[in-house]
């Protein structure tokens, strides 16, 4: 795993540098603030067994956002995998 400053630099740079550094399946910790009702909804989805974790639900939401709203970006960054 690259040192932290490399991680930060890779995610600030152009999409091409992202592709060189990361592959589908690599995970990078990200801190995000959400409204309490969203967190409650995530926890309920996990409790119901729809997702195994908050992270899994958020990954799926981002994947669907990219696939549906930004298919060109999805193809460029992910290559249609995932």
C-alpha atoms as a PDB file:
ATOM      1  CA  UNK A   1       0.000   0.000   0.000  1.00  0.00           C
ATOM      2  CA  UNK A   2       1.410   3.421  -0.940  1.00  0.00           C
ATOM      3  CA  UNK A   3       2.339   5.859   1.832  1.00  0.00           C
ATOM      4  CA  UNK A   4      -0.464   8.271   2.904  1.00  0.00           C
ATOM      5  CA  UNK A   5       0.870  11.241   0.918  1.00  0.00           C
ATOM      6  CA  UNK A   6       0.745   9.117  -2.258  1.00  0.00           C
ATOM      7  CA  UNK A   7      -2.861   8.148  -1.512  1.00  0.00           C
ATOM      8  CA  UNK A   8      -3.852  11.770  -1.125  1.00  0.00           C
ATOM      9  CA  UNK A   9      -2.026  12.841  -4.273  1.00  0.00           C
ATOM     10  CA  UNK A  10      -3.565  10.030  -6.315  1.00  0.00           C
ATOM     11  CA  UNK A  11      -7.085  11.064  -5.399  1.00  0.00           C
ATOM     12  CA  UNK A  12      -6.535  14.744  -6.139  1.00  0.00           C
ATOM     13  CA  UNK A  13      -4.977  14.156  -9.545  1.00  0.00           C
ATOM     14  CA  UNK A  14      -6.636  13.355 -12.869  1.00  0.00           C
ATOM     15  CA  UNK A  15      -8.597  10.176 -13.478  1.00  0.00           C
ATOM     16  CA  UNK A  16      -5.677   8.677 -15.379  1.00  0.00           C
ATOM     17  CA  UNK A  17      -3.461   8.715 -12.265  1.00  0.00           C
ATOM     18  CA  UNK A  18      -6.254   7.003 -10.310  1.00  0.00           C
ATOM     19  CA  UNK A  19      -6.277   4.139 -12.770  1.00  0.00           C
ATOM     20  CA  UNK A  20      -2.527   3.649 -12.426  1.00  0.00           C
ATOM     21  CA  UNK A  21      -2.615   3.559  -8.630  1.00  0.00           C
ATOM     22  CA  UNK A  22      -5.862   1.727  -7.860  1.00  0.00           C
ATOM     23  CA  UNK A  23      -7.636  -1.353  -9.132  1.00  0.00           C
ATOM     24  CA  UNK A  24     -11.255  -2.320  -8.621  1.00  0.00           C
ATOM     25  CA  UNK A  25     -11.436  -3.960  -5.224  1.00  0.00           C
ATOM     26  CA  UNK A  26      -8.840  -1.719  -3.567  1.00  0.00           C
ATOM     27  CA  UNK A  27     -10.363   0.059  -0.578  1.00  0.00           C
ATOM     28  CA  UNK A  28      -9.340   3.442   0.756  1.00  0.00           C
ATOM     29  CA  UNK A  29     -10.765   4.687   4.060  1.00  0.00           C
ATOM     30  CA  UNK A  30     -12.881   7.823   3.620  1.00  0.00           C
ATOM     31  CA  UNK A  31     -14.474   9.896   6.360  1.00  0.00           C
ATOM     32  CA  UNK A  32     -17.858  11.356   5.485  1.00  0.00           C
ATOM     33  CA  UNK A  33     -20.491  13.234   7.475  1.00  0.00           C
ATOM     34  CA  UNK A  34     -24.118  12.284   6.864  1.00  0.00           C
ATOM     35  CA  UNK A  35     -27.406  13.540   8.274  1.00  0.00           C
ATOM     36  CA  UNK A  36     -28.584  11.354  11.170  1.00  0.00           C
ATOM     37  CA  UNK A  37     -31.631  10.040   9.259  1.00  0.00           C
ATOM     38  CA  UNK A  38     -29.324   8.715   6.507  1.00  0.00           C
ATOM     39  CA  UNK A  39     -27.213   6.893   9.084  1.00  0.00           C
ATOM     40  CA  UNK A  40     -30.384   5.480  10.655  1.00  0.00           C
ATOM     41  CA  UNK A  41     -31.508   4.267   7.227  1.00  0.00           C
ATOM     42  CA  UNK A  42     -28.103   2.666   6.565  1.00  0.00           C
ATOM     43  CA  UNK A  43     -28.216   0.918   9.924  1.00  0.00           C
ATOM     44  CA  UNK A  44     -31.748  -0.334   9.226  1.00  0.00           C
ATOM     45  CA  UNK A  45     -30.672  -1.759   5.849  1.00  0.00           C
ATOM     46  CA  UNK A  46     -27.818  -3.564   7.586  1.00  0.00           C
ATOM     47  CA  UNK A  47     -30.138  -4.781  10.376  1.00  0.00           C
ATOM     48  CA  UNK A  48     -32.550  -6.184   7.767  1.00  0.00           C
ATOM     49  CA  UNK A  49     -29.691  -7.999   6.053  1.00  0.00           C
ATOM     50  CA  UNK A  50     -29.950  -6.034   2.812  1.00  0.00           C
ATOM     51  CA  UNK A  51     -26.257  -5.120   3.195  1.00  0.00           C
ATOM     52  CA  UNK A  52     -23.536  -6.583   5.385  1.00  0.00           C
ATOM     53  CA  UNK A  53     -22.256  -3.166   6.473  1.00  0.00           C
ATOM     54  CA  UNK A  54     -22.664   0.570   6.055  1.00  0.00           C
ATOM     55  CA  UNK A  55     -19.618   0.515   3.792  1.00  0.00           C
ATOM     56  CA  UNK A  56     -21.174  -2.062   1.485  1.00  0.00           C
ATOM     57  CA  UNK A  57     -24.365   0.022   1.183  1.00  0.00           C
ATOM     58  CA  UNK A  58     -22.417   3.206   0.448  1.00  0.00           C
ATOM     59  CA  UNK A  59     -20.209   1.441  -2.131  1.00  0.00           C
ATOM     60  CA  UNK A  60     -23.321   0.149  -3.892  1.00  0.00           C
ATOM     61  CA  UNK A  61     -24.926   3.611  -3.857  1.00  0.00           C
ATOM     62  CA  UNK A  62     -21.828   5.225  -5.379  1.00  0.00           C
ATOM     63  CA  UNK A  63     -21.479   2.456  -7.975  1.00  0.00           C
ATOM     64  CA  UNK A  64     -25.126   2.934  -9.030  1.00  0.00           C
ATOM     65  CA  UNK A  65     -24.740   6.736  -9.090  1.00  0.00           C
ATOM     66  CA  UNK A  66     -21.772   6.415 -11.432  1.00  0.00           C
ATOM     67  CA  UNK A  67     -23.332   3.708 -13.633  1.00  0.00           C
ATOM     68  CA  UNK A  68     -26.656   5.529 -14.068  1.00  0.00           C
ATOM     69  CA  UNK A  69     -25.709   9.189 -13.936  1.00  0.00           C
ATOM     70  CA  UNK A  70     -22.153   9.209 -15.229  1.00  0.00           C
ATOM     71  CA  UNK A  71     -21.605   6.087 -17.360  1.00  0.00           C
ATOM     72  CA  UNK A  72     -18.618   7.554 -19.214  1.00  0.00           C
ATOM     73  CA  UNK A  73     -16.837   8.332 -15.951  1.00  0.00           C
ATOM     74  CA  UNK A  74     -17.762   4.906 -14.606  1.00  0.00           C
ATOM     75  CA  UNK A  75     -16.241   3.218 -17.658  1.00  0.00           C
ATOM     76  CA  UNK A  76     -13.136   5.409 -17.503  1.00  0.00           C
ATOM     77  CA  UNK A  77     -12.431   4.880 -13.800  1.00  0.00           C
ATOM     78  CA  UNK A  78     -13.784   1.409 -13.195  1.00  0.00           C
ATOM     79  CA  UNK A  79     -13.667  -0.101 -16.651  1.00  0.00           C
ATOM     80  CA  UNK A  80     -17.150  -1.514 -16.241  1.00  0.00           C
ATOM     81  CA  UNK A  81     -16.040  -3.843 -13.437  1.00  0.00           C
ATOM     82  CA  UNK A  82     -17.750  -4.127 -10.095  1.00  0.00           C
END
